Amino acid sequence: MDIQVWMASKEVADRLDVHVRTLRNWLDLFVPANERLKNPQGHYLISEAGFALLKEVKERKDNGNSSLREIQRQMIEEGLIQEEMLLASELNGTEEVAVDAASASLESTRPQRDVEFAFQEALVSFQHELTQLRSMNQMQTTILEKIAEIEEKQEFLRLEMRRVTFEMDLMQQRLTRRKERFAKHQPRWSLNPFRWFSRSNQAAEH
């Protein structure tokens, strides 16, 4: 059993490389009502047969300068679409002109939209890179501040080490002088009483 496949109008427009509004205009001219439906959201769903008809229209537009009305008549003569499609479009004599003008206008504005989109992407990319550059500059500034702070602390430590070394040398010199003075003025009397008597005896003998 064959299963009917329906495609959204946006998907069909992307495949044919046309604008969605252009596609909707083509639907009224080339796709029978039973090959196109509307979903609850108001978007068209197109059958495989309808897609084949639209693809044929796109190829003929790309390969020549035929108008949509001429392509429609050609496809009717070839039996690709029913004559009712032509009768429906002739109810409004200006419909072909409006459709062609709308299609040409939309197709002509596509390069401009592409340029604008590319420019917007480039602008966003530049803004992103600029933000990253600012962050890097801020990070570099922070690193330089930290380095300066570390160098300042190192200089303070060097000064403190010099001061402590100087004070230790000074204290060592003071201790040395005290030892020398103590050794110079040390009493010569011995605390041993036997030495006192021996000295007295030696003095008496002499």
N, C-alpha and C. Protein backbone atom coordinates (compact mmCIF):
# COMPACT_ATOMS: atom_id res chain seq x y z
N MET A 1 0.86 -1.19 0.00
CA MET A 1 0.00 0.00 0.00
C MET A 1 0.89 1.24 0.00
N ASP A 2 0.63 2.13 -0.98
CA ASP A 2 1.41 3.35 -1.05
C ASP A 2 1.02 4.30 0.07
N ILE A 3 2.01 4.96 0.63
CA ILE A 3 1.80 5.93 1.70
C ILE A 3 2.06 7.32 1.15
N GLN A 4 1.10 8.19 1.27
CA GLN A 4 1.25 9.56 0.79
C GLN A 4 2.16 10.34 1.73
N VAL A 5 3.13 11.02 1.15
CA VAL A 5 4.07 11.84 1.92
C VAL A 5 3.76 13.31 1.68
N TRP A 6 3.59 14.05 2.77
CA TRP A 6 3.30 15.48 2.68
C TRP A 6 4.49 16.26 3.23
N MET A 7 4.84 17.33 2.54
CA MET A 7 5.96 18.17 2.96
C MET A 7 5.46 19.57 3.29
N ALA A 8 6.06 20.17 4.30
CA ALA A 8 5.71 21.54 4.66
C ALA A 8 6.17 22.51 3.58
N SER A 9 5.45 23.61 3.46
CA SER A 9 5.78 24.59 2.42
C SER A 9 7.19 25.15 2.61
N LYS A 10 7.62 25.29 3.87
CA LYS A 10 8.97 25.82 4.14
C LYS A 10 10.02 24.85 3.59
N GLU A 11 9.80 23.55 3.78
CA GLU A 11 10.74 22.55 3.27
C GLU A 11 10.78 22.57 1.75
N VAL A 12 9.61 22.67 1.12
CA VAL A 12 9.55 22.71 -0.33
C VAL A 12 10.23 23.97 -0.86
N ALA A 13 10.00 25.11 -0.20
CA ALA A 13 10.64 26.36 -0.62
C ALA A 13 12.16 26.26 -0.53
N ASP A 14 12.64 25.63 0.53
CA ASP A 14 14.09 25.46 0.66
C ASP A 14 14.65 24.55 -0.44
N ARG A 15 13.94 23.48 -0.75
CA ARG A 15 14.42 22.56 -1.80
C ARG A 15 14.45 23.22 -3.17
N LEU A 16 13.45 24.07 -3.43
CA LEU A 16 13.38 24.74 -4.73
C LEU A 16 14.16 26.04 -4.76
N ASP A 17 14.65 26.46 -3.60
CA ASP A 17 15.41 27.70 -3.49
C ASP A 17 14.57 28.91 -3.93
N VAL A 18 13.35 28.97 -3.41
CA VAL A 18 12.48 30.12 -3.65
C VAL A 18 11.92 30.58 -2.31
N HIS A 19 11.38 31.80 -2.31
CA HIS A 19 10.78 32.32 -1.10
C HIS A 19 9.44 31.64 -0.84
N VAL A 20 9.05 31.58 0.45
CA VAL A 20 7.79 30.92 0.80
C VAL A 20 6.61 31.62 0.15
N ARG A 21 6.65 32.96 0.08
CA ARG A 21 5.54 33.68 -0.54
C ARG A 21 5.45 33.37 -2.03
N THR A 22 6.60 33.26 -2.69
CA THR A 22 6.60 32.87 -4.10
C THR A 22 5.99 31.49 -4.27
N LEU A 23 6.34 30.58 -3.37
CA LEU A 23 5.80 29.22 -3.44
C LEU A 23 4.29 29.22 -3.30
N ARG A 24 3.77 30.04 -2.36
CA ARG A 24 2.31 30.08 -2.18
C ARG A 24 1.60 30.59 -3.43
N ASN A 25 2.22 31.56 -4.14
CA ASN A 25 1.62 32.04 -5.38
C ASN A 25 1.61 30.94 -6.45
N TRP A 26 2.70 30.16 -6.49
CA TRP A 26 2.77 29.07 -7.46
C TRP A 26 1.74 27.98 -7.16
N LEU A 27 1.44 27.78 -5.88
CA LEU A 27 0.47 26.75 -5.52
C LEU A 27 -0.88 27.01 -6.18
N ASP A 28 -1.30 28.28 -6.19
CA ASP A 28 -2.62 28.62 -6.75
C ASP A 28 -2.65 28.43 -8.27
N LEU A 29 -1.49 28.51 -8.90
CA LEU A 29 -1.45 28.43 -10.36
C LEU A 29 -1.18 27.04 -10.89
N PHE A 30 -0.49 26.21 -10.09
CA PHE A 30 -0.02 24.94 -10.67
C PHE A 30 -0.39 23.69 -9.86
N VAL A 31 -0.74 23.81 -8.61
CA VAL A 31 -0.98 22.62 -7.79
C VAL A 31 -2.48 22.50 -7.50
N PRO A 32 -3.09 21.40 -7.89
CA PRO A 32 -4.53 21.21 -7.61
C PRO A 32 -4.81 21.21 -6.10
N ALA A 33 -6.05 21.48 -5.79
CA ALA A 33 -6.44 21.59 -4.37
C ALA A 33 -6.24 20.29 -3.62
N ASN A 34 -6.41 19.15 -4.32
CA ASN A 34 -6.27 17.86 -3.63
C ASN A 34 -4.81 17.48 -3.38
N GLU A 35 -3.86 18.27 -3.94
CA GLU A 35 -2.44 18.01 -3.73
C GLU A 35 -1.81 19.00 -2.74
N ARG A 36 -2.63 19.84 -2.16
CA ARG A 36 -2.14 20.79 -1.14
C ARG A 36 -3.19 20.96 -0.06
N LEU A 37 -2.74 20.91 1.17
CA LEU A 37 -3.63 21.04 2.32
C LEU A 37 -3.10 22.11 3.26
N LYS A 38 -3.95 22.52 4.18
CA LYS A 38 -3.53 23.47 5.22
C LYS A 38 -3.65 22.80 6.58
N ASN A 39 -2.61 22.93 7.38
CA ASN A 39 -2.67 22.38 8.73
C ASN A 39 -3.37 23.37 9.65
N PRO A 40 -3.65 22.99 10.91
CA PRO A 40 -4.37 23.90 11.83
C PRO A 40 -3.67 25.24 12.03
N GLN A 41 -2.38 25.30 11.81
CA GLN A 41 -1.66 26.56 11.99
C GLN A 41 -1.73 27.45 10.75
N GLY A 42 -2.38 26.96 9.67
CA GLY A 42 -2.51 27.77 8.46
C GLY A 42 -1.38 27.59 7.47
N HIS A 43 -0.49 26.64 7.70
CA HIS A 43 0.63 26.39 6.80
C HIS A 43 0.26 25.29 5.80
N TYR A 44 0.78 25.45 4.59
CA TYR A 44 0.47 24.48 3.55
C TYR A 44 1.29 23.21 3.72
N LEU A 45 0.64 22.08 3.38
CA LEU A 45 1.30 20.79 3.26
C LEU A 45 1.13 20.35 1.81
N ILE A 46 2.22 19.95 1.18
CA ILE A 46 2.23 19.67 -0.25
C ILE A 46 2.57 18.21 -0.48
N SER A 47 1.84 17.57 -1.37
CA SER A 47 2.07 16.16 -1.66
C SER A 47 3.29 16.00 -2.57
N GLU A 48 3.69 14.76 -2.77
CA GLU A 48 4.82 14.48 -3.66
C GLU A 48 4.51 14.90 -5.09
N ALA A 49 3.25 14.67 -5.52
CA ALA A 49 2.85 15.07 -6.88
C ALA A 49 2.87 16.59 -7.00
N GLY A 50 2.41 17.27 -5.97
CA GLY A 50 2.45 18.73 -5.99
C GLY A 50 3.88 19.26 -6.03
N PHE A 51 4.76 18.61 -5.29
CA PHE A 51 6.17 19.01 -5.31
C PHE A 51 6.77 18.81 -6.70
N ALA A 52 6.40 17.72 -7.36
CA ALA A 52 6.92 17.46 -8.71
C ALA A 52 6.48 18.56 -9.68
N LEU A 53 5.22 19.02 -9.56
CA LEU A 53 4.73 20.10 -10.42
C LEU A 53 5.50 21.39 -10.16
N LEU A 54 5.72 21.71 -8.89
CA LEU A 54 6.45 22.94 -8.54
C LEU A 54 7.90 22.87 -9.02
N LYS A 55 8.48 21.70 -8.93
CA LYS A 55 9.86 21.53 -9.40
C LYS A 55 9.94 21.76 -10.90
N GLU A 56 8.92 21.30 -11.64
CA GLU A 56 8.86 21.51 -13.08
C GLU A 56 8.75 23.00 -13.40
N VAL A 57 7.93 23.71 -12.63
CA VAL A 57 7.79 25.15 -12.83
C VAL A 57 9.12 25.86 -12.58
N LYS A 58 9.80 25.48 -11.53
CA LYS A 58 11.08 26.12 -11.20
C LYS A 58 12.11 25.88 -12.31
N GLU A 59 12.16 24.67 -12.83
CA GLU A 59 13.12 24.37 -13.90
C GLU A 59 12.82 25.18 -15.16
N ARG A 60 11.54 25.33 -15.49
CA ARG A 60 11.18 26.10 -16.68
C ARG A 60 11.46 27.58 -16.48
N LYS A 61 11.25 28.09 -15.28
CA LYS A 61 11.58 29.49 -15.00
C LYS A 61 13.07 29.73 -15.12
N ASP A 62 13.87 28.77 -14.64
CA ASP A 62 15.32 28.94 -14.67
C ASP A 62 15.90 28.79 -16.08
N ASN A 63 15.21 28.02 -16.93
CA ASN A 63 15.75 27.72 -18.26
C ASN A 63 15.27 28.69 -19.34
N GLY A 64 14.36 29.58 -19.02
CA GLY A 64 13.86 30.49 -20.05
C GLY A 64 13.26 31.74 -19.45
N ASN A 65 12.70 32.58 -20.35
CA ASN A 65 12.10 33.85 -19.93
C ASN A 65 10.57 33.79 -19.96
N SER A 66 10.03 32.58 -19.91
CA SER A 66 8.58 32.44 -19.96
C SER A 66 7.94 32.99 -18.70
N SER A 67 6.76 33.58 -18.85
CA SER A 67 6.01 34.07 -17.70
C SER A 67 5.28 32.90 -17.06
N LEU A 68 4.76 33.13 -15.87
CA LEU A 68 4.03 32.07 -15.19
C LEU A 68 2.81 31.64 -15.98
N ARG A 69 2.12 32.62 -16.62
CA ARG A 69 0.94 32.27 -17.42
C ARG A 69 1.33 31.39 -18.60
N GLU A 70 2.44 31.68 -19.25
CA GLU A 70 2.89 30.88 -20.37
C GLU A 70 3.27 29.47 -19.91
N ILE A 71 3.95 29.38 -18.76
CA ILE A 71 4.30 28.06 -18.24
C ILE A 71 3.05 27.28 -17.88
N GLN A 72 2.07 27.98 -17.34
CA GLN A 72 0.82 27.30 -16.99
C GLN A 72 0.13 26.74 -18.24
N ARG A 73 0.09 27.52 -19.29
CA ARG A 73 -0.55 27.05 -20.53
C ARG A 73 0.23 25.89 -21.13
N GLN A 74 1.57 25.96 -21.08
CA GLN A 74 2.39 24.86 -21.60
C GLN A 74 2.10 23.57 -20.84
N MET A 75 2.02 23.65 -19.53
CA MET A 75 1.79 22.45 -18.73
C MET A 75 0.37 21.92 -18.93
N ILE A 76 -0.59 22.80 -19.22
CA ILE A 76 -1.94 22.33 -19.53
C ILE A 76 -1.95 21.60 -20.86
N GLU A 77 -1.26 22.17 -21.86
CA GLU A 77 -1.20 21.53 -23.17
C GLU A 77 -0.50 20.18 -23.08
N GLU A 78 0.46 20.06 -22.18
CA GLU A 78 1.18 18.80 -22.03
C GLU A 78 0.46 17.82 -21.12
N GLY A 79 -0.67 18.24 -20.56
CA GLY A 79 -1.46 17.36 -19.72
C GLY A 79 -0.92 17.20 -18.30
N LEU A 80 -0.01 18.09 -17.91
CA LEU A 80 0.55 18.00 -16.56
C LEU A 80 -0.43 18.54 -15.52
N ILE A 81 -1.20 19.55 -15.86
CA ILE A 81 -2.21 20.09 -14.96
C ILE A 81 -3.51 20.24 -15.74
N GLN A 82 -4.62 20.37 -15.02
CA GLN A 82 -5.94 20.46 -15.64
C GLN A 82 -6.21 21.90 -16.09
N GLU A 83 -7.11 22.02 -17.07
CA GLU A 83 -7.45 23.33 -17.61
C GLU A 83 -8.16 24.20 -16.57
N GLU A 84 -8.76 23.56 -15.58
CA GLU A 84 -9.44 24.34 -14.53
C GLU A 84 -8.47 25.29 -13.81
N MET A 85 -7.20 24.91 -13.77
CA MET A 85 -6.22 25.78 -13.12
C MET A 85 -6.11 27.11 -13.86
N LEU A 86 -6.19 27.06 -15.22
CA LEU A 86 -6.11 28.28 -16.01
C LEU A 86 -7.38 29.10 -15.83
N LEU A 87 -8.54 28.44 -15.80
CA LEU A 87 -9.79 29.16 -15.62
C LEU A 87 -9.82 29.87 -14.28
N ALA A 88 -9.28 29.20 -13.27
CA ALA A 88 -9.29 29.80 -11.95
C ALA A 88 -8.39 31.04 -11.90
N SER A 89 -7.27 30.98 -12.57
CA SER A 89 -6.36 32.11 -12.55
C SER A 89 -6.86 33.26 -13.41
N GLU A 90 -7.70 32.98 -14.46
CA GLU A 90 -8.21 34.03 -15.33
C GLU A 90 -9.35 34.80 -14.71
N LEU A 91 -9.85 34.36 -13.57
CA LEU A 91 -10.91 35.11 -12.90
C LEU A 91 -10.43 36.51 -12.51
N ASN A 92 -9.14 36.64 -12.31
CA ASN A 92 -8.55 37.93 -11.98
C ASN A 92 -7.51 38.24 -13.06
N GLY A 93 -7.81 39.20 -13.96
CA GLY A 93 -6.94 39.46 -15.09
C GLY A 93 -5.58 39.99 -14.70
N THR A 94 -5.48 40.57 -13.54
CA THR A 94 -4.20 41.15 -13.11
C THR A 94 -3.40 40.20 -12.23
N GLU A 95 -3.91 38.98 -12.04
CA GLU A 95 -3.25 38.06 -11.11
C GLU A 95 -1.85 37.70 -11.58
N GLU A 96 -1.68 37.44 -12.89
CA GLU A 96 -0.38 37.03 -13.39
C GLU A 96 0.64 38.13 -13.18
N VAL A 97 0.22 39.38 -13.49
CA VAL A 97 1.14 40.50 -13.32
C VAL A 97 1.55 40.64 -11.87
N ALA A 98 0.57 40.50 -10.98
CA ALA A 98 0.86 40.64 -9.55
C ALA A 98 1.78 39.54 -9.06
N VAL A 99 1.51 38.30 -9.54
CA VAL A 99 2.34 37.18 -9.11
C VAL A 99 3.75 37.33 -9.61
N ASP A 100 3.90 37.68 -10.92
CA ASP A 100 5.24 37.85 -11.47
C ASP A 100 5.99 38.98 -10.79
N ALA A 101 5.27 40.07 -10.53
CA ALA A 101 5.93 41.21 -9.88
C ALA A 101 6.35 40.86 -8.47
N ALA A 102 5.45 40.15 -7.76
CA ALA A 102 5.79 39.75 -6.39
C ALA A 102 6.96 38.79 -6.38
N SER A 103 6.94 37.84 -7.33
CA SER A 103 8.03 36.87 -7.38
C SER A 103 9.35 37.55 -7.71
N ALA A 104 9.32 38.47 -8.70
CA ALA A 104 10.55 39.16 -9.07
C ALA A 104 11.06 40.02 -7.93
N SER A 105 10.10 40.67 -7.24
CA SER A 105 10.51 41.52 -6.12
C SER A 105 11.15 40.71 -5.00
N LEU A 106 10.53 39.59 -4.67
CA LEU A 106 11.06 38.75 -3.60
C LEU A 106 12.40 38.16 -3.97
N GLU A 107 12.51 37.69 -5.26
CA GLU A 107 13.77 37.08 -5.67
C GLU A 107 14.89 38.12 -5.73
N SER A 108 14.53 39.38 -6.11
CA SER A 108 15.55 40.42 -6.19
C SER A 108 16.03 40.86 -4.82
N THR A 109 15.16 40.72 -3.83
CA THR A 109 15.56 41.14 -2.48
C THR A 109 16.33 40.05 -1.74
N ARG A 110 16.38 38.85 -2.28
CA ARG A 110 17.10 37.77 -1.59
C ARG A 110 18.58 38.03 -1.45
N PRO A 111 19.28 38.50 -2.53
CA PRO A 111 20.71 38.82 -2.33
C PRO A 111 20.93 39.89 -1.26
N GLN A 112 20.04 40.88 -1.25
CA GLN A 112 20.18 41.93 -0.24
C GLN A 112 20.00 41.36 1.16
N ARG A 113 19.02 40.46 1.33
CA ARG A 113 18.80 39.84 2.64
C ARG A 113 20.00 38.98 3.02
N ASP A 114 20.56 38.27 2.02
CA ASP A 114 21.74 37.45 2.31
C ASP A 114 22.91 38.30 2.76
N VAL A 115 23.09 39.46 2.09
CA VAL A 115 24.17 40.37 2.48
C VAL A 115 23.94 40.90 3.88
N GLU A 116 22.70 41.29 4.16
CA GLU A 116 22.39 41.81 5.50
C GLU A 116 22.62 40.74 6.56
N PHE A 117 22.22 39.50 6.25
CA PHE A 117 22.43 38.42 7.20
C PHE A 117 23.91 38.16 7.44
N ALA A 118 24.68 38.15 6.33
CA ALA A 118 26.12 37.93 6.46
C ALA A 118 26.76 39.07 7.25
N PHE A 119 26.28 40.30 7.01
CA PHE A 119 26.83 41.45 7.76
C PHE A 119 26.50 41.33 9.24
N GLN A 120 25.26 40.91 9.55
CA GLN A 120 24.88 40.74 10.95
C GLN A 120 25.72 39.66 11.61
N GLU A 121 25.96 38.56 10.90
CA GLU A 121 26.81 37.49 11.46
C GLU A 121 28.23 38.00 11.70
N ALA A 122 28.77 38.76 10.74
CA ALA A 122 30.12 39.31 10.92
C ALA A 122 30.17 40.28 12.08
N LEU A 123 29.11 41.08 12.24
CA LEU A 123 29.07 42.04 13.34
C LEU A 123 29.01 41.32 14.68
N VAL A 124 28.19 40.28 14.77
CA VAL A 124 28.11 39.51 16.02
C VAL A 124 29.45 38.85 16.32
N SER A 125 30.09 38.29 15.28
CA SER A 125 31.38 37.66 15.47
C SER A 125 32.42 38.68 15.94
N PHE A 126 32.39 39.88 15.35
CA PHE A 126 33.34 40.92 15.76
C PHE A 126 33.10 41.35 17.20
N GLN A 127 31.82 41.51 17.57
CA GLN A 127 31.50 41.88 18.94
C GLN A 127 31.97 40.81 19.92
N HIS A 128 31.82 39.55 19.52
CA HIS A 128 32.28 38.45 20.38
C HIS A 128 33.80 38.50 20.55
N GLU A 129 34.51 38.71 19.44
CA GLU A 129 35.97 38.79 19.51
C GLU A 129 36.41 40.00 20.33
N LEU A 130 35.68 41.11 20.19
CA LEU A 130 36.01 42.31 20.96
C LEU A 130 35.80 42.07 22.44
N THR A 131 34.74 41.36 22.78
CA THR A 131 34.50 41.03 24.19
C THR A 131 35.62 40.15 24.73
N GLN A 132 36.04 39.16 23.93
CA GLN A 132 37.15 38.30 24.35
C GLN A 132 38.43 39.12 24.52
N LEU A 133 38.66 40.08 23.60
CA LEU A 133 39.87 40.91 23.69
C LEU A 133 39.84 41.75 24.95
N ARG A 134 38.66 42.30 25.26
CA ARG A 134 38.53 43.08 26.49
C ARG A 134 38.82 42.22 27.71
N SER A 135 38.29 41.02 27.70
CA SER A 135 38.53 40.11 28.82
C SER A 135 40.03 39.80 28.95
N MET A 136 40.69 39.59 27.80
CA MET A 136 42.12 39.31 27.83
C MET A 136 42.90 40.51 28.35
N ASN A 137 42.48 41.73 27.93
CA ASN A 137 43.14 42.94 28.42
C ASN A 137 42.96 43.10 29.92
N GLN A 138 41.75 42.83 30.40
CA GLN A 138 41.51 42.91 31.83
C GLN A 138 42.33 41.87 32.58
N MET A 139 42.42 40.67 32.01
CA MET A 139 43.22 39.62 32.64
C MET A 139 44.70 40.01 32.66
N GLN A 140 45.17 40.59 31.55
CA GLN A 140 46.57 41.02 31.48
C GLN A 140 46.85 42.12 32.50
N THR A 141 45.90 43.06 32.64
CA THR A 141 46.07 44.13 33.63
C THR A 141 46.12 43.55 35.03
N THR A 142 45.25 42.59 35.32
CA THR A 142 45.25 41.96 36.64
C THR A 142 46.56 41.24 36.91
N ILE A 143 47.09 40.54 35.89
CA ILE A 143 48.36 39.82 36.06
C ILE A 143 49.50 40.80 36.33
N LEU A 144 49.53 41.91 35.59
CA LEU A 144 50.58 42.90 35.80
C LEU A 144 50.49 43.51 37.20
N GLU A 145 49.27 43.74 37.66
CA GLU A 145 49.11 44.27 39.02
C GLU A 145 49.61 43.28 40.06
N LYS A 146 49.33 41.99 39.85
CA LYS A 146 49.80 40.96 40.78
C LYS A 146 51.32 40.88 40.77
N ILE A 147 51.92 40.97 39.57
CA ILE A 147 53.38 40.91 39.48
C ILE A 147 54.01 42.10 40.21
N ALA A 148 53.42 43.29 40.03
CA ALA A 148 53.95 44.47 40.72
C ALA A 148 53.81 44.32 42.23
N GLU A 149 52.69 43.74 42.67
CA GLU A 149 52.49 43.52 44.10
C GLU A 149 53.51 42.53 44.66
N ILE A 150 53.78 41.47 43.90
CA ILE A 150 54.77 40.48 44.34
C ILE A 150 56.17 41.10 44.41
N GLU A 151 56.52 41.89 43.40
CA GLU A 151 57.83 42.55 43.42
C GLU A 151 57.96 43.50 44.59
N GLU A 152 56.88 44.20 44.91
CA GLU A 152 56.91 45.11 46.06
C GLU A 152 57.12 44.34 47.36
N LYS A 153 56.45 43.20 47.49
CA LYS A 153 56.63 42.38 48.69
C LYS A 153 58.04 41.80 48.76
N GLN A 154 58.60 41.42 47.62
CA GLN A 154 59.96 40.90 47.61
C GLN A 154 60.95 41.97 48.06
N GLU A 155 60.76 43.20 47.59
CA GLU A 155 61.64 44.29 48.00
C GLU A 155 61.52 44.56 49.50
N PHE A 156 60.30 44.49 50.02
CA PHE A 156 60.10 44.67 51.46
C PHE A 156 60.81 43.58 52.25
N LEU A 157 60.74 42.34 51.76
CA LEU A 157 61.42 41.23 52.44
C LEU A 157 62.93 41.40 52.41
N ARG A 158 63.45 41.88 51.26
CA ARG A 158 64.90 42.11 51.19
C ARG A 158 65.35 43.16 52.20
N LEU A 159 64.58 44.23 52.33
CA LEU A 159 64.91 45.27 53.30
C LEU A 159 64.84 44.73 54.73
N GLU A 160 63.82 43.91 55.00
CA GLU A 160 63.68 43.34 56.34
C GLU A 160 64.85 42.40 56.64
N MET A 161 65.27 41.62 55.65
CA MET A 161 66.40 40.72 55.87
C MET A 161 67.68 41.51 56.14
N ARG A 162 67.87 42.60 55.43
CA ARG A 162 69.04 43.44 55.68
C ARG A 162 69.01 44.02 57.09
N ARG A 163 67.82 44.48 57.50
CA ARG A 163 67.70 45.07 58.83
C ARG A 163 67.97 44.03 59.90
N VAL A 164 67.40 42.82 59.76
CA VAL A 164 67.60 41.77 60.75
C VAL A 164 69.07 41.35 60.79
N THR A 165 69.68 41.23 59.60
CA THR A 165 71.11 40.85 59.55
C THR A 165 71.97 41.90 60.23
N PHE A 166 71.66 43.17 59.99
CA PHE A 166 72.43 44.25 60.62
C PHE A 166 72.28 44.21 62.13
N GLU A 167 71.06 44.01 62.63
CA GLU A 167 70.85 43.97 64.07
C GLU A 167 71.55 42.75 64.70
N MET A 168 71.54 41.62 63.99
CA MET A 168 72.22 40.45 64.52
C MET A 168 73.73 40.67 64.58
N ASP A 169 74.30 41.32 63.55
CA ASP A 169 75.72 41.63 63.57
C ASP A 169 76.05 42.59 64.72
N LEU A 170 75.18 43.56 64.93
CA LEU A 170 75.40 44.51 66.01
C LEU A 170 75.36 43.83 67.36
N MET A 171 74.37 42.93 67.55
CA MET A 171 74.28 42.19 68.81
C MET A 171 75.51 41.30 69.00
N GLN A 172 76.00 40.70 67.92
CA GLN A 172 77.19 39.85 68.03
C GLN A 172 78.41 40.67 68.43
N GLN A 173 78.53 41.87 67.86
CA GLN A 173 79.65 42.74 68.23
C GLN A 173 79.57 43.16 69.70
N ARG A 174 78.37 43.48 70.17
CA ARG A 174 78.20 43.86 71.56
C ARG A 174 78.57 42.72 72.50
N LEU A 175 78.13 41.51 72.17
CA LEU A 175 78.46 40.36 73.00
C LEU A 175 79.97 40.12 73.03
N THR A 176 80.59 40.29 71.88
CA THR A 176 82.06 40.09 71.83
C THR A 176 82.77 41.11 72.71
N ARG A 177 82.35 42.37 72.65
CA ARG A 177 82.99 43.40 73.48
C ARG A 177 82.76 43.14 74.96
N ARG A 178 81.58 42.67 75.32
CA ARG A 178 81.30 42.37 76.72
C ARG A 178 82.18 41.24 77.22
N LYS A 179 82.34 40.21 76.39
CA LYS A 179 83.21 39.10 76.79
C LYS A 179 84.64 39.57 76.99
N GLU A 180 85.07 40.46 76.09
CA GLU A 180 86.44 40.97 76.23
C GLU A 180 86.61 41.79 77.50
N ARG A 181 85.64 42.64 77.80
CA ARG A 181 85.73 43.44 79.02
C ARG A 181 85.67 42.57 80.25
N PHE A 182 84.85 41.53 80.24
CA PHE A 182 84.73 40.64 81.38
C PHE A 182 86.03 39.88 81.60
N ALA A 183 86.63 39.42 80.50
CA ALA A 183 87.90 38.69 80.64
C ALA A 183 89.01 39.60 81.13
N LYS A 184 88.98 40.87 80.78
CA LYS A 184 90.02 41.83 81.18
C LYS A 184 89.93 42.20 82.65
N HIS A 185 88.75 42.36 83.17
CA HIS A 185 88.54 42.77 84.56
C HIS A 185 88.19 41.62 85.48
N GLN A 186 88.41 40.39 85.08
CA GLN A 186 88.09 39.24 85.93
C GLN A 186 89.01 39.25 87.18
N PRO A 187 88.50 39.05 88.41
CA PRO A 187 89.31 39.07 89.65
C PRO A 187 90.35 37.95 89.64
N ARG A 188 91.59 38.28 90.15
CA ARG A 188 92.67 37.29 90.19
C ARG A 188 92.68 36.48 91.48
N TRP A 189 91.96 36.89 92.50
CA TRP A 189 91.86 36.12 93.75
C TRP A 189 91.09 34.85 93.53
N SER A 190 91.69 33.81 94.03
CA SER A 190 91.01 32.52 93.89
C SER A 190 90.10 32.30 95.06
N LEU A 191 89.05 31.60 94.88
CA LEU A 191 88.13 31.28 95.95
C LEU A 191 88.59 30.07 96.76
N ASN A 192 89.72 29.47 96.44
CA ASN A 192 90.22 28.29 97.17
C ASN A 192 91.05 28.77 98.37
N PRO A 193 90.60 28.49 99.65
CA PRO A 193 91.31 28.99 100.87
C PRO A 193 92.70 28.40 100.99
N PHE A 194 92.95 27.24 100.49
CA PHE A 194 94.29 26.66 100.59
C PHE A 194 95.29 27.47 99.78
N ARG A 195 94.84 28.05 98.73
CA ARG A 195 95.75 28.85 97.92
C ARG A 195 96.09 30.15 98.64
N TRP A 196 95.14 30.61 99.48
CA TRP A 196 95.44 31.82 100.26
C TRP A 196 96.63 31.56 101.21
N PHE A 197 96.54 30.43 101.94
CA PHE A 197 97.61 30.13 102.90
C PHE A 197 98.94 29.88 102.22
N SER A 198 98.91 29.23 101.11
CA SER A 198 100.18 28.94 100.42
C SER A 198 100.82 30.21 99.97
N ARG A 199 100.01 31.18 99.51
CA ARG A 199 100.57 32.44 99.10
C ARG A 199 101.15 33.22 100.29
N SER A 200 100.46 33.13 101.47
CA SER A 200 100.93 33.84 102.68
C SER A 200 102.26 33.24 103.14
N ASN A 201 102.36 31.93 103.07
CA ASN A 201 103.61 31.28 103.48
C ASN A 201 104.77 31.65 102.54
N GLN A 202 104.46 31.69 101.30
CA GLN A 202 105.50 32.05 100.35
C GLN A 202 105.97 33.48 100.56
N ALA A 203 105.07 34.34 100.96
CA ALA A 203 105.43 35.73 101.20
C ALA A 203 106.29 35.86 102.44
N ALA A 204 105.97 35.04 103.50
CA ALA A 204 106.73 35.11 104.74
C ALA A 204 108.14 34.57 104.56
N GLU A 205 108.29 33.55 103.83
CA GLU A 205 109.61 32.96 103.59
C GLU A 205 110.54 33.97 102.87
N HIS A 206 109.93 34.73 102.05
CA HIS A 206 110.77 35.70 101.34
C HIS A 206 111.03 36.91 102.21
